[in-house]
């Protein structure tokens, strides 16, 4: 997986005839005939709560496995990998920005950012120089003041924590960055400014960006918008 080379016109995410149904459920949560995302695209996936966004992300990251169909990321069909193989694939290739950020509160800003490289030798090998130096370079680009970088993240504002979460997702140049409603706690001006910074950094490190939100005011910032309730033939089952 580490030797996979990306062509700019190549799909890095491809779903074919994917159905996902929770155990003991009478109906599918997701039924997607086809979805393709090319390398370096910035994609906005929108839809109201309950339309299947979180379930889709769980398939893209290999946390859950499709009941039927293929979920192809890079050179791997996640439906054919074991749980441990999916964990390794996710650590090596996916940077994730969580809605609640999921930072470790009593670690410093820099300590939080370098964590993905502690779990992935592949991402660590992508870093030139020290991990701390790379963390500071990302924080410079994301405009986080130097004065807070050695503080525990619990002492930072929501907006500052958001930038830390973005830097953690981007370090080690993962091929795919997934953002799960990370701007929900911010006002519009701060949301749009953060997304523009995130896109700029994703471009710089060569990451494809998949951004998920229920907020339609953000879609104009993206080059491609996917309306999940239209794509998902299972309808609003969640």
Foldseek 3Di string as FASTA:
>chain_A
DLPFDFDQADFQKKWAQFWADDPPDPFTLFGFHMDTDGFLFAEEEADDPQNCPVVVVCCQQLVDDTPDTFIHGRHDGSNPDDSVVSVLCNLQAEQEQEQQRPFDQQAFLLVRQCVSCVVHVQLVVLDDDDSSVLLVVQCVLQVQDPVRRRGGCNPDDLLNSSSSSLSSSPRSLHQEYEYENNCPVDDDVSVQVNVVSSSVSCVVSRHHYYYYDNDPVNPVSGPYYHHSQVRGPSHRPD
